[in-house]
Amino acid sequence: MIESVRERELEGTIPQQGTGGVYTAYAPETLDQYEEKKVLFFKADWCSTFLLLDARLKLERDRIPPDVVILEVNYDTAHDLRVTYDVTTQHSFVQIDASGEMVKKWNGSTTLDEIVSTVQ
């Protein structure tokens, strides 16, 4: 059994962290392992703006601040999360606190800088 985020990195189940924060797929079992500021990114694979931002985030992963975790959530399949956070469109972002409560919600950021400047 993998016990920590670092062990998961070594196992290759989440991307290794550089000096920056994290950009990885959402998984309920890992949510509690991050103490950083968590941002849920509701994306759809068919959305051209998602594809562009996804590519940018992967290229700029080392620029994500160390206190920020961006978790990619599949808009089409994550119905419960969409209801919980009242997300009605893809390419939406929800910052949550340690207990999973919404801190902030916004739509349409197209760059890492826009996301980071919006996170509280």
PDB file of N, CA and C in Angstrom:
ATOM      1  N   MET A   1       0.839  -1.177   0.000  1.00  0.00           N
ATOM      2  CA  MET A   1       0.000   0.000   0.000  1.00  0.00           C
ATOM      3  C   MET A   1       0.890   1.248   0.000  1.00  0.00           C
ATOM      4  N   ILE A   2       0.536   2.204  -0.822  1.00  0.00           N
ATOM      5  CA  ILE A   2       1.301   3.440  -0.904  1.00  0.00           C
ATOM      6  C   ILE A   2       0.781   4.389   0.167  1.00  0.00           C
ATOM      7  N   GLU A   3       1.676   4.876   1.023  1.00  0.00           N
ATOM      8  CA  GLU A   3       1.265   5.635   2.194  1.00  0.00           C
ATOM      9  C   GLU A   3       1.371   7.150   2.049  1.00  0.00           C
ATOM     10  N   SER A   4       2.184   7.639   1.140  1.00  0.00           N
ATOM     11  CA  SER A   4       2.383   9.083   1.088  1.00  0.00           C
ATOM     12  C   SER A   4       2.427   9.572  -0.356  1.00  0.00           C
ATOM     13  N   VAL A   5       2.284  10.878  -0.488  1.00  0.00           N
ATOM     14  CA  VAL A   5       2.386  11.486  -1.813  1.00  0.00           C
ATOM     15  C   VAL A   5       3.749  11.196  -2.410  1.00  0.00           C
ATOM     16  N   ARG A   6       4.821  11.294  -1.619  1.00  0.00           N
ATOM     17  CA  ARG A   6       6.172  11.029  -2.132  1.00  0.00           C
ATOM     18  C   ARG A   6       6.292   9.595  -2.640  1.00  0.00           C
ATOM     19  N   GLU A   7       5.739   8.631  -1.902  1.00  0.00           N
ATOM     20  CA  GLU A   7       5.775   7.251  -2.376  1.00  0.00           C
ATOM     21  C   GLU A   7       4.995   7.107  -3.676  1.00  0.00           C
ATOM     22  N   ARG A   8       3.866   7.829  -3.793  1.00  0.00           N
ATOM     23  CA  ARG A   8       3.082   7.790  -5.034  1.00  0.00           C
ATOM     24  C   ARG A   8       3.887   8.386  -6.183  1.00  0.00           C
ATOM     25  N   GLU A   9       4.647   9.439  -5.914  1.00  0.00           N
ATOM     26  CA  GLU A   9       5.510  10.018  -6.946  1.00  0.00           C
ATOM     27  C   GLU A   9       6.517   8.985  -7.421  1.00  0.00           C
ATOM     28  N   LEU A  10       7.151   8.306  -6.478  1.00  0.00           N
ATOM     29  CA  LEU A  10       8.162   7.314  -6.824  1.00  0.00           C
ATOM     30  C   LEU A  10       7.562   6.139  -7.579  1.00  0.00           C
ATOM     31  N   GLU A  11       6.321   5.803  -7.280  1.00  0.00           N
ATOM     32  CA  GLU A  11       5.642   4.722  -7.979  1.00  0.00           C
ATOM     33  C   GLU A  11       5.162   5.161  -9.363  1.00  0.00           C
ATOM     34  N   GLY A  12       5.201   6.477  -9.629  1.00  0.00           N
ATOM     35  CA  GLY A  12       4.792   6.981 -10.928  1.00  0.00           C
ATOM     36  C   GLY A  12       3.297   7.186 -11.079  1.00  0.00           C
ATOM     37  N   THR A  13       2.542   7.137  -9.967  1.00  0.00           N
ATOM     38  CA  THR A  13       1.102   7.310 -10.075  1.00  0.00           C
ATOM     39  C   THR A  13       0.683   8.771 -10.031  1.00  0.00           C
ATOM     40  N   ILE A  14       1.574   9.647  -9.624  1.00  0.00           N
ATOM     41  CA  ILE A  14       1.356  11.080  -9.789  1.00  0.00           C
ATOM     42  C   ILE A  14       2.676  11.682 -10.252  1.00  0.00           C
ATOM     43  N   PRO A  15       2.615  12.827 -10.943  1.00  0.00           N
ATOM     44  CA  PRO A  15       3.854  13.409 -11.436  1.00  0.00           C
ATOM     45  C   PRO A  15       4.775  13.815 -10.303  1.00  0.00           C
ATOM     46  N   GLN A  16       6.073  13.663 -10.524  1.00  0.00           N
ATOM     47  CA  GLN A  16       7.020  14.111  -9.515  1.00  0.00           C
ATOM     48  C   GLN A  16       6.985  15.619  -9.407  1.00  0.00           C
ATOM     49  N   GLN A  17       7.112  16.090  -8.208  1.00  0.00           N
ATOM     50  CA  GLN A  17       7.139  17.516  -7.974  1.00  0.00           C
ATOM     51  C   GLN A  17       8.563  18.028  -8.132  1.00  0.00           C
ATOM     52  N   GLY A  18       8.682  19.147  -8.816  1.00  0.00           N
ATOM     53  CA  GLY A  18       9.963  19.819  -8.877  1.00  0.00           C
ATOM     54  C   GLY A  18       9.978  20.820  -7.741  1.00  0.00           C
ATOM     55  N   THR A  19      10.438  22.012  -8.048  1.00  0.00           N
ATOM     56  CA  THR A  19      10.417  23.054  -7.040  1.00  0.00           C
ATOM     57  C   THR A  19       9.055  23.703  -6.957  1.00  0.00           C
ATOM     58  N   GLY A  20       8.215  23.424  -7.952  1.00  0.00           N
ATOM     59  CA  GLY A  20       6.890  24.021  -7.987  1.00  0.00           C
ATOM     60  C   GLY A  20       5.858  23.180  -7.285  1.00  0.00           C
ATOM     61  N   GLY A  21       4.616  23.573  -7.473  1.00  0.00           N
ATOM     62  CA  GLY A  21       3.499  22.849  -6.905  1.00  0.00           C
ATOM     63  C   GLY A  21       3.178  21.622  -7.735  1.00  0.00           C
ATOM     64  N   VAL A  22       1.911  21.270  -7.771  1.00  0.00           N
ATOM     65  CA  VAL A  22       1.484  20.023  -8.404  1.00  0.00           C
ATOM     66  C   VAL A  22       0.374  20.306  -9.415  1.00  0.00           C
ATOM     67  N   TYR A  23       0.422  19.616 -10.548  1.00  0.00           N
ATOM     68  CA  TYR A  23      -0.695  19.545 -11.490  1.00  0.00           C
ATOM     69  C   TYR A  23      -0.887  18.076 -11.805  1.00  0.00           C
ATOM     70  N   THR A  24      -2.005  17.520 -11.362  1.00  0.00           N
ATOM     71  CA  THR A  24      -2.244  16.089 -11.531  1.00  0.00           C
ATOM     72  C   THR A  24      -3.742  15.825 -11.562  1.00  0.00           C
ATOM     73  N   ALA A  25      -4.101  14.594 -11.880  1.00  0.00           N
ATOM     74  CA  ALA A  25      -5.509  14.203 -11.913  1.00  0.00           C
ATOM     75  C   ALA A  25      -6.085  14.135 -10.502  1.00  0.00           C
ATOM     76  N   TYR A  26      -7.328  14.525 -10.376  1.00  0.00           N
ATOM     77  CA  TYR A  26      -8.043  14.436  -9.108  1.00  0.00           C
ATOM     78  C   TYR A  26      -8.287  12.973  -8.747  1.00  0.00           C
ATOM     79  N   ALA A  27      -8.116  12.673  -7.490  1.00  0.00           N
ATOM     80  CA  ALA A  27      -8.487  11.369  -6.944  1.00  0.00           C
ATOM     81  C   ALA A  27      -8.926  11.599  -5.503  1.00  0.00           C
ATOM     82  N   PRO A  28     -10.116  11.153  -5.134  1.00  0.00           N
ATOM     83  CA  PRO A  28     -10.613  11.422  -3.775  1.00  0.00           C
ATOM     84  C   PRO A  28      -9.670  10.938  -2.683  1.00  0.00           C
ATOM     85  N   GLU A  29      -9.011   9.817  -2.917  1.00  0.00           N
ATOM     86  CA  GLU A  29      -8.143   9.256  -1.873  1.00  0.00           C
ATOM     87  C   GLU A  29      -6.862  10.061  -1.666  1.00  0.00           C
ATOM     88  N   THR A  30      -6.490  10.911  -2.606  1.00  0.00           N
ATOM     89  CA  THR A  30      -5.271  11.701  -2.431  1.00  0.00           C
ATOM     90  C   THR A  30      -5.553  13.127  -1.973  1.00  0.00           C
ATOM     91  N   LEU A  31      -6.793  13.530  -2.016  1.00  0.00           N
ATOM     92  CA  LEU A  31      -7.129  14.915  -1.692  1.00  0.00           C
ATOM     93  C   LEU A  31      -6.637  15.321  -0.313  1.00  0.00           C
ATOM     94  N   ASP A  32      -6.803  14.462   0.675  1.00  0.00           N
ATOM     95  CA  ASP A  32      -6.393  14.776   2.047  1.00  0.00           C
ATOM     96  C   ASP A  32      -4.879  14.794   2.221  1.00  0.00           C
ATOM     97  N   GLN A  33      -4.135  14.251   1.278  1.00  0.00           N
ATOM     98  CA  GLN A  33      -2.678  14.209   1.412  1.00  0.00           C
ATOM     99  C   GLN A  33      -2.016  15.534   1.066  1.00  0.00           C
ATOM    100  N   TYR A  34      -2.763  16.424   0.458  1.00  0.00           N
ATOM    101  CA  TYR A  34      -2.200  17.729   0.094  1.00  0.00           C
ATOM    102  C   TYR A  34      -2.631  18.771   1.097  1.00  0.00           C
ATOM    103  N   GLU A  35      -1.671  19.469   1.660  1.00  0.00           N
ATOM    104  CA  GLU A  35      -1.978  20.561   2.585  1.00  0.00           C
ATOM    105  C   GLU A  35      -1.940  21.904   1.868  1.00  0.00           C
ATOM    106  N   GLU A  36      -1.462  21.907   0.639  1.00  0.00           N
ATOM    107  CA  GLU A  36      -1.344  23.127  -0.129  1.00  0.00           C
ATOM    108  C   GLU A  36      -2.730  23.656  -0.497  1.00  0.00           C
ATOM    109  N   LYS A  37      -2.742  24.842  -1.104  1.00  0.00           N
ATOM    110  CA  LYS A  37      -3.985  25.412  -1.624  1.00  0.00           C
ATOM    111  C   LYS A  37      -4.423  24.536  -2.789  1.00  0.00           C
ATOM    112  N   LYS A  38      -5.632  24.011  -2.703  1.00  0.00           N
ATOM    113  CA  LYS A  38      -6.109  23.069  -3.707  1.00  0.00           C
ATOM    114  C   LYS A  38      -7.091  23.753  -4.648  1.00  0.00           C
ATOM    115  N   VAL A  39      -6.858  23.556  -5.945  1.00  0.00           N
ATOM    116  CA  VAL A  39      -7.737  24.090  -6.971  1.00  0.00           C
ATOM    117  C   VAL A  39      -8.221  22.929  -7.824  1.00  0.00           C
ATOM    118  N   LEU A  40      -9.534  22.747  -7.894  1.00  0.00           N
ATOM    119  CA  LEU A  40     -10.115  21.749  -8.774  1.00  0.00           C
ATOM    120  C   LEU A  40     -10.340  22.401 -10.135  1.00  0.00           C
ATOM    121  N   PHE A  41      -9.807  21.807 -11.185  1.00  0.00           N
ATOM    122  CA  PHE A  41      -9.931  22.321 -12.545  1.00  0.00           C
ATOM    123  C   PHE A  41     -10.872  21.381 -13.290  1.00  0.00           C
ATOM    124  N   PHE A  42     -12.109  21.810 -13.512  1.00  0.00           N
ATOM    125  CA  PHE A  42     -13.102  20.992 -14.208  1.00  0.00           C
ATOM    126  C   PHE A  42     -12.890  21.141 -15.707  1.00  0.00           C
ATOM    127  N   LYS A  43     -12.420  20.076 -16.310  1.00  0.00           N
ATOM    128  CA  LYS A  43     -12.065  20.106 -17.725  1.00  0.00           C
ATOM    129  C   LYS A  43     -12.901  19.092 -18.494  1.00  0.00           C
ATOM    130  N   ALA A  44     -12.971  19.304 -19.799  1.00  0.00           N
ATOM    131  CA  ALA A  44     -13.618  18.338 -20.691  1.00  0.00           C
ATOM    132  C   ALA A  44     -12.642  18.062 -21.827  1.00  0.00           C
ATOM    133  N   ASP A  45     -12.441  16.790 -22.127  1.00  0.00           N
ATOM    134  CA  ASP A  45     -11.464  16.418 -23.150  1.00  0.00           C
ATOM    135  C   ASP A  45     -11.794  16.983 -24.520  1.00  0.00           C
ATOM    136  N   TRP A  46     -13.042  17.301 -24.759  1.00  0.00           N
ATOM    137  CA  TRP A  46     -13.467  17.833 -26.049  1.00  0.00           C
ATOM    138  C   TRP A  46     -13.370  19.362 -26.116  1.00  0.00           C
ATOM    139  N   CYS A  47     -13.003  20.006 -25.024  1.00  0.00           N
ATOM    140  CA  CYS A  47     -12.952  21.472 -24.943  1.00  0.00           C
ATOM    141  C   CYS A  47     -11.590  21.979 -25.410  1.00  0.00           C
ATOM    142  N   SER A  48     -11.586  22.781 -26.470  1.00  0.00           N
ATOM    143  CA  SER A  48     -10.312  23.268 -27.026  1.00  0.00           C
ATOM    144  C   SER A  48      -9.569  24.164 -26.042  1.00  0.00           C
ATOM    145  N   THR A  49     -10.278  24.932 -25.223  1.00  0.00           N
ATOM    146  CA  THR A  49      -9.582  25.785 -24.258  1.00  0.00           C
ATOM    147  C   THR A  49      -8.938  24.940 -23.160  1.00  0.00           C
ATOM    148  N   PHE A  50      -9.576  23.806 -22.805  1.00  0.00           N
ATOM    149  CA  PHE A  50      -8.945  22.900 -21.852  1.00  0.00           C
ATOM    150  C   PHE A  50      -7.657  22.334 -22.427  1.00  0.00           C
ATOM    151  N   LEU A  51      -7.708  21.874 -23.654  1.00  0.00           N
ATOM    152  CA  LEU A  51      -6.534  21.246 -24.259  1.00  0.00           C
ATOM    153  C   LEU A  51      -5.356  22.214 -24.275  1.00  0.00           C
ATOM    154  N   LEU A  52      -5.622  23.468 -24.582  1.00  0.00           N
ATOM    155  CA  LEU A  52      -4.568  24.481 -24.594  1.00  0.00           C
ATOM    156  C   LEU A  52      -4.014  24.712 -23.190  1.00  0.00           C
ATOM    157  N   LEU A  53      -4.898  24.900 -22.204  1.00  0.00           N
ATOM    158  CA  LEU A  53      -4.438  25.134 -20.837  1.00  0.00           C
ATOM    159  C   LEU A  53      -3.729  23.907 -20.274  1.00  0.00           C
ATOM    160  N   ASP A  54      -4.238  22.719 -20.547  1.00  0.00           N
ATOM    161  CA  ASP A  54      -3.598  21.498 -20.086  1.00  0.00           C
ATOM    162  C   ASP A  54      -2.163  21.419 -20.592  1.00  0.00           C
ATOM    163  N   ALA A  55      -1.956  21.695 -21.857  1.00  0.00           N
ATOM    164  CA  ALA A  55      -0.603  21.672 -22.426  1.00  0.00           C
ATOM    165  C   ALA A  55       0.286  22.712 -21.753  1.00  0.00           C
ATOM    166  N   ARG A  56      -0.268  23.907 -21.524  1.00  0.00           N
ATOM    167  CA  ARG A  56       0.514  24.960 -20.858  1.00  0.00           C
ATOM    168  C   ARG A  56       0.887  24.559 -19.436  1.00  0.00           C
ATOM    169  N   LEU A  57      -0.069  24.005 -18.688  1.00  0.00           N
ATOM    170  CA  LEU A  57       0.210  23.624 -17.301  1.00  0.00           C
ATOM    171  C   LEU A  57       1.266  22.524 -17.229  1.00  0.00           C
ATOM    172  N   LYS A  58       1.213  21.592 -18.153  1.00  0.00           N
ATOM    173  CA  LYS A  58       2.219  20.527 -18.167  1.00  0.00           C
ATOM    174  C   LYS A  58       3.606  21.080 -18.484  1.00  0.00           C
ATOM    175  N   LEU A  59       3.674  22.038 -19.400  1.00  0.00           N
ATOM    176  CA  LEU A  59       4.963  22.646 -19.747  1.00  0.00           C
ATOM    177  C   LEU A  59       5.494  23.541 -18.631  1.00  0.00           C
ATOM    178  N   GLU A  60       4.592  24.166 -17.900  1.00  0.00           N
ATOM    179  CA  GLU A  60       4.976  25.139 -16.877  1.00  0.00           C
ATOM    180  C   GLU A  60       4.845  24.586 -15.461  1.00  0.00           C
ATOM    181  N   ARG A  61       4.777  23.277 -15.341  1.00  0.00           N
ATOM    182  CA  ARG A  61       4.571  22.647 -14.029  1.00  0.00           C
ATOM    183  C   ARG A  61       5.557  23.170 -12.979  1.00  0.00           C
ATOM    184  N   ASP A  62       6.808  23.404 -13.357  1.00  0.00           N
ATOM    185  CA  ASP A  62       7.808  23.891 -12.399  1.00  0.00           C
ATOM    186  C   ASP A  62       7.535  25.321 -11.942  1.00  0.00           C
ATOM    187  N   ARG A  63       6.673  26.036 -12.645  1.00  0.00           N
ATOM    188  CA  ARG A  63       6.338  27.408 -12.261  1.00  0.00           C
ATOM    189  C   ARG A  63       5.156  27.482 -11.293  1.00  0.00           C
ATOM    190  N   ILE A  64       4.472  26.364 -11.085  1.00  0.00           N
ATOM    191  CA  ILE A  64       3.348  26.367 -10.139  1.00  0.00           C
ATOM    192  C   ILE A  64       3.928  26.617  -8.748  1.00  0.00           C
ATOM    193  N   PRO A  65       3.407  27.600  -8.040  1.00  0.00           N
ATOM    194  CA  PRO A  65       3.942  27.881  -6.705  1.00  0.00           C
ATOM    195  C   PRO A  65       3.890  26.637  -5.816  1.00  0.00           C
ATOM    196  N   PRO A  66       4.876  26.488  -4.933  1.00  0.00           N
ATOM    197  CA  PRO A  66       4.945  25.292  -4.086  1.00  0.00           C
ATOM    198  C   PRO A  66       3.741  25.100  -3.182  1.00  0.00           C
ATOM    199  N   ASP A  67       2.980  26.159  -2.934  1.00  0.00           N
ATOM    200  CA  ASP A  67       1.823  26.034  -2.049  1.00  0.00           C
ATOM    201  C   ASP A  67       0.508  25.848  -2.805  1.00  0.00           C
ATOM    202  N   VAL A  68       0.596  25.492  -4.113  1.00  0.00           N
ATOM    203  CA  VAL A  68      -0.610  25.324  -4.929  1.00  0.00           C
ATOM    204  C   VAL A  68      -0.633  23.933  -5.555  1.00  0.00           C
ATOM    205  N   VAL A  69      -1.798  23.292  -5.477  1.00  0.00           N
ATOM    206  CA  VAL A  69      -2.038  22.010  -6.124  1.00  0.00           C
ATOM    207  C   VAL A  69      -3.240  22.186  -7.049  1.00  0.00           C
ATOM    208  N   ILE A  70      -3.045  21.906  -8.331  1.00  0.00           N
ATOM    209  CA  ILE A  70      -4.126  21.980  -9.307  1.00  0.00           C
ATOM    210  C   ILE A  70      -4.520  20.549  -9.649  1.00  0.00           C
ATOM    211  N   LEU A  71      -5.768  20.218  -9.383  1.00  0.00           N
ATOM    212  CA  LEU A  71      -6.264  18.860  -9.594  1.00  0.00           C
ATOM    213  C   LEU A  71      -7.249  18.859 -10.762  1.00  0.00           C
ATOM    214  N   GLU A  72      -6.919  18.119 -11.777  1.00  0.00           N
ATOM    215  CA  GLU A  72      -7.728  18.022 -12.982  1.00  0.00           C
ATOM    216  C   GLU A  72      -8.918  17.103 -12.729  1.00  0.00           C
ATOM    217  N   VAL A  73     -10.123  17.630 -12.932  1.00  0.00           N
ATOM    218  CA  VAL A  73     -11.362  16.875 -12.699  1.00  0.00           C
ATOM    219  C   VAL A  73     -12.093  16.743 -14.030  1.00  0.00           C
ATOM    220  N   ASN A  74     -12.520  15.529 -14.368  1.00  0.00           N
ATOM    221  CA  ASN A  74     -13.243  15.313 -15.608  1.00  0.00           C
ATOM    222  C   ASN A  74     -14.674  15.819 -15.457  1.00  0.00           C
ATOM    223  N   TYR A  75     -14.978  16.897 -16.159  1.00  0.00           N
ATOM    224  CA  TYR A  75     -16.296  17.530 -16.079  1.00  0.00           C
ATOM    225  C   TYR A  75     -17.416  16.556 -16.446  1.00  0.00           C
ATOM    226  N   ASP A  76     -17.174  15.714 -17.425  1.00  0.00           N
ATOM    227  CA  ASP A  76     -18.220  14.826 -17.936  1.00  0.00           C
ATOM    228  C   ASP A  76     -18.547  13.668 -17.000  1.00  0.00           C
ATOM    229  N   THR A  77     -17.625  13.274 -16.141  1.00  0.00           N
ATOM    230  CA  THR A  77     -17.870  12.105 -15.287  1.00  0.00           C
ATOM    231  C   THR A  77     -17.967  12.428 -13.799  1.00  0.00           C
ATOM    232  N   ALA A  78     -17.553  13.597 -13.389  1.00  0.00           N
ATOM    233  CA  ALA A  78     -17.529  13.946 -11.956  1.00  0.00           C
ATOM    234  C   ALA A  78     -18.813  14.653 -11.535  1.00  0.00           C
ATOM    235  N   HIS A  79     -19.932  14.003 -11.762  1.00  0.00           N
ATOM    236  CA  HIS A  79     -21.235  14.606 -11.476  1.00  0.00           C
ATOM    237  C   HIS A  79     -21.371  15.039 -10.020  1.00  0.00           C
ATOM    238  N   ASP A  80     -20.967  14.202  -9.085  1.00  0.00           N
ATOM    239  CA  ASP A  80     -21.101  14.534  -7.658  1.00  0.00           C
ATOM    240  C   ASP A  80     -20.320  15.794  -7.295  1.00  0.00           C
ATOM    241  N   LEU A  81     -19.092  15.909  -7.803  1.00  0.00           N
ATOM    242  CA  LEU A  81     -18.305  17.117  -7.522  1.00  0.00           C
ATOM    243  C   LEU A  81     -18.933  18.342  -8.169  1.00  0.00           C
ATOM    244  N   ARG A  82     -19.462  18.171  -9.377  1.00  0.00           N
ATOM    245  CA  ARG A  82     -20.119  19.303 -10.036  1.00  0.00           C
ATOM    246  C   ARG A  82     -21.304  19.794  -9.210  1.00  0.00           C
ATOM    247  N   VAL A  83     -22.075  18.872  -8.661  1.00  0.00           N
ATOM    248  CA  VAL A  83     -23.221  19.244  -7.831  1.00  0.00           C
ATOM    249  C   VAL A  83     -22.739  19.891  -6.524  1.00  0.00           C
ATOM    250  N   THR A  84     -21.758  19.275  -5.887  1.00  0.00           N
ATOM    251  CA  THR A  84     -21.240  19.796  -4.619  1.00  0.00           C
ATOM    252  C   THR A  84     -20.805  21.249  -4.740  1.00  0.00           C
ATOM    253  N   TYR A  85     -20.107  21.573  -5.827  1.00  0.00           N
ATOM    254  CA  TYR A  85     -19.550  22.921  -5.982  1.00  0.00           C
ATOM    255  C   TYR A  85     -20.330  23.773  -6.979  1.00  0.00           C
ATOM    256  N   ASP A  86     -21.518  23.300  -7.395  1.00  0.00           N
ATOM    257  CA  ASP A  86     -22.385  24.037  -8.314  1.00  0.00           C
ATOM    258  C   ASP A  86     -21.630  24.477  -9.577  1.00  0.00           C
ATOM    259  N   VAL A  87     -20.925  23.536 -10.177  1.00  0.00           N
ATOM    260  CA  VAL A  87     -20.187  23.792 -11.412  1.00  0.00           C
ATOM    261  C   VAL A  87     -21.098  23.444 -12.575  1.00  0.00           C
ATOM    262  N   THR A  88     -21.367  24.421 -13.436  1.00  0.00           N
ATOM    263  CA  THR A  88     -22.302  24.225 -14.539  1.00  0.00           C
ATOM    264  C   THR A  88     -21.647  24.291 -15.914  1.00  0.00           C
ATOM    265  N   THR A  89     -20.370  24.635 -15.968  1.00  0.00           N
ATOM    266  CA  THR A  89     -19.666  24.677 -17.251  1.00  0.00           C
ATOM    267  C   THR A  89     -18.268  24.103 -17.089  1.00  0.00           C
ATOM    268  N   GLN A  90     -17.796  23.482 -18.169  1.00  0.00           N
ATOM    269  CA  GLN A  90     -16.419  23.010 -18.155  1.00  0.00           C
ATOM    270  C   GLN A  90     -15.499  24.229 -18.149  1.00  0.00           C
ATOM    271  N   HIS A  91     -14.249  23.980 -17.898  1.00  0.00           N
ATOM    272  CA  HIS A  91     -13.227  25.026 -17.781  1.00  0.00           C
ATOM    273  C   HIS A  91     -13.540  25.935 -16.587  1.00  0.00           C
ATOM    274  N   SER A  92     -14.029  25.293 -15.514  1.00  0.00           N
ATOM    275  CA  SER A  92     -14.305  25.994 -14.265  1.00  0.00           C
ATOM    276  C   SER A  92     -13.252  25.596 -13.236  1.00  0.00           C
ATOM    277  N   PHE A  93     -13.020  26.492 -12.295  1.00  0.00           N
ATOM    278  CA  PHE A  93     -12.036  26.279 -11.242  1.00  0.00           C
ATOM    279  C   PHE A  93     -12.715  26.490  -9.895  1.00  0.00           C
ATOM    280  N   VAL A  94     -12.386  25.615  -8.935  1.00  0.00           N
ATOM    281  CA  VAL A  94     -12.913  25.748  -7.582  1.00  0.00           C
ATOM    282  C   VAL A  94     -11.748  25.576  -6.625  1.00  0.00           C
ATOM    283  N   GLN A  95     -11.476  26.612  -5.849  1.00  0.00           N
ATOM    284  CA  GLN A  95     -10.473  26.484  -4.799  1.00  0.00           C
ATOM    285  C   GLN A  95     -11.186  25.971  -3.564  1.00  0.00           C
ATOM    286  N   ILE A  96     -10.607  24.939  -2.932  1.00  0.00           N
ATOM    287  CA  ILE A  96     -11.211  24.365  -1.730  1.00  0.00           C
ATOM    288  C   ILE A  96     -10.222  24.436  -0.571  1.00  0.00           C
ATOM    289  N   ASP A  97     -10.768  24.430   0.635  1.00  0.00           N
ATOM    290  CA  ASP A  97      -9.900  24.432   1.816  1.00  0.00           C
ATOM    291  C   ASP A  97      -9.640  22.994   2.271  1.00  0.00           C
ATOM    292  N   ALA A  98      -8.976  22.851   3.392  1.00  0.00           N
ATOM    293  CA  ALA A  98      -8.574  21.528   3.887  1.00  0.00           C
ATOM    294  C   ALA A  98      -9.762  20.617   4.176  1.00  0.00           C
ATOM    295  N   SER A  99     -10.922  21.195   4.479  1.00  0.00           N
ATOM    296  CA  SER A  99     -12.100  20.374   4.759  1.00  0.00           C
ATOM    297  C   SER A  99     -12.970  20.161   3.522  1.00  0.00           C
ATOM    298  N   GLY A 100     -12.515  20.657   2.381  1.00  0.00           N
ATOM    299  CA  GLY A 100     -13.257  20.473   1.137  1.00  0.00           C
ATOM    300  C   GLY A 100     -14.301  21.534   0.871  1.00  0.00           C
ATOM    301  N   GLU A 101     -14.342  22.560   1.729  1.00  0.00           N
ATOM    302  CA  GLU A 101     -15.292  23.651   1.525  1.00  0.00           C
ATOM    303  C   GLU A 101     -14.773  24.599   0.443  1.00  0.00           C
ATOM    304  N   MET A 102     -15.700  25.117  -0.368  1.00  0.00           N
ATOM    305  CA  MET A 102     -15.320  26.033  -1.428  1.00  0.00           C
ATOM    306  C   MET A 102     -14.847  27.367  -0.850  1.00  0.00           C
ATOM    307  N   VAL A 103     -13.691  27.809  -1.323  1.00  0.00           N
ATOM    308  CA  VAL A 103     -13.149  29.112  -0.966  1.00  0.00           C
ATOM    309  C   VAL A 103     -13.531  30.124  -2.040  1.00  0.00           C
ATOM    310  N   LYS A 104     -13.439  29.676  -3.293  1.00  0.00           N
ATOM    311  CA  LYS A 104     -13.654  30.557  -4.425  1.00  0.00           C
ATOM    312  C   LYS A 104     -13.956  29.715  -5.653  1.00  0.00           C
ATOM    313  N   LYS A 105     -14.723  30.291  -6.590  1.00  0.00           N
ATOM    314  CA  LYS A 105     -15.025  29.609  -7.853  1.00  0.00           C
ATOM    315  C   LYS A 105     -14.930  30.636  -8.985  1.00  0.00           C
ATOM    316  N   TRP A 106     -14.354  30.211 -10.113  1.00  0.00           N
ATOM    317  CA  TRP A 106     -14.263  31.095 -11.275  1.00  0.00           C
ATOM    318  C   TRP A 106     -14.193  30.262 -12.549  1.00  0.00           C
ATOM    319  N   ASN A 107     -14.333  30.928 -13.678  1.00  0.00           N
ATOM    320  CA  ASN A 107     -14.336  30.260 -14.991  1.00  0.00           C
ATOM    321  C   ASN A 107     -13.303  30.882 -15.913  1.00  0.00           C
ATOM    322  N   GLY A 108     -12.783  30.044 -16.813  1.00  0.00           N
ATOM    323  CA  GLY A 108     -12.103  30.510 -17.994  1.00  0.00           C
ATOM    324  C   GLY A 108     -10.660  30.938 -17.925  1.00  0.00           C
ATOM    325  N   SER A 109      -9.945  30.739 -16.857  1.00  0.00           N
ATOM    326  CA  SER A 109      -8.523  31.105 -16.859  1.00  0.00           C
ATOM    327  C   SER A 109      -7.822  30.318 -17.963  1.00  0.00           C
ATOM    328  N   THR A 110      -6.943  30.993 -18.691  1.00  0.00           N
ATOM    329  CA  THR A 110      -6.263  30.335 -19.808  1.00  0.00           C
ATOM    330  C   THR A 110      -4.760  30.241 -19.619  1.00  0.00           C
ATOM    331  N   THR A 111      -4.260  30.764 -18.500  1.00  0.00           N
ATOM    332  CA  THR A 111      -2.824  30.686 -18.228  1.00  0.00           C
ATOM    333  C   THR A 111      -2.599  30.346 -16.759  1.00  0.00           C
ATOM    334  N   LEU A 112      -1.423  29.822 -16.480  1.00  0.00           N
ATOM    335  CA  LEU A 112      -1.047  29.550 -15.101  1.00  0.00           C
ATOM    336  C   LEU A 112      -1.057  30.827 -14.277  1.00  0.00           C
ATOM    337  N   ASP A 113      -0.558  31.909 -14.845  1.00  0.00           N
ATOM    338  CA  ASP A 113      -0.533  33.182 -14.110  1.00  0.00           C
ATOM    339  C   ASP A 113      -1.937  33.633 -13.696  1.00  0.00           C
ATOM    340  N   GLU A 114      -2.922  33.439 -14.576  1.00  0.00           N
ATOM    341  CA  GLU A 114      -4.299  33.803 -14.223  1.00  0.00           C
ATOM    342  C   GLU A 114      -4.821  32.953 -13.059  1.00  0.00           C
ATOM    343  N   ILE A 115      -4.515  31.668 -13.093  1.00  0.00           N
ATOM    344  CA  ILE A 115      -4.955  30.781 -12.014  1.00  0.00           C
ATOM    345  C   ILE A 115      -4.300  31.191 -10.700  1.00  0.00           C
ATOM    346  N   VAL A 116      -2.996  31.347 -10.720  1.00  0.00           N
ATOM    347  CA  VAL A 116      -2.256  31.677  -9.501  1.00  0.00           C
ATOM    348  C   VAL A 116      -2.695  33.018  -8.938  1.00  0.00           C
ATOM    349  N   SER A 117      -2.942  33.991  -9.789  1.00  0.00           N
ATOM    350  CA  SER A 117      -3.343  35.315  -9.287  1.00  0.00           C
ATOM    351  C   SER A 117      -4.744  35.293  -8.694  1.00  0.00           C
ATOM    352  N   THR A 118      -5.542  34.287  -9.014  1.00  0.00           N
ATOM    353  CA  THR A 118      -6.907  34.190  -8.494  1.00  0.00           C
ATOM    354  C   THR A 118      -6.955  33.423  -7.180  1.00  0.00           C
ATOM    355  N   VAL A 119      -6.005  32.512  -6.972  1.00  0.00           N
ATOM    356  CA  VAL A 119      -5.977  31.695  -5.746  1.00  0.00           C
ATOM    357  C   VAL A 119      -5.695  32.579  -4.543  1.00  0.00           C
ATOM    358  N   GLN A 120      -6.452  32.341  -3.462  1.00  0.00           N
ATOM    359  CA  GLN A 120      -6.288  33.140  -2.237  1.00  0.00           C
ATOM    360  C   GLN A 120      -5.293  32.486  -1.304  1.00  0.00           C
TER     361      GLN A 120
END
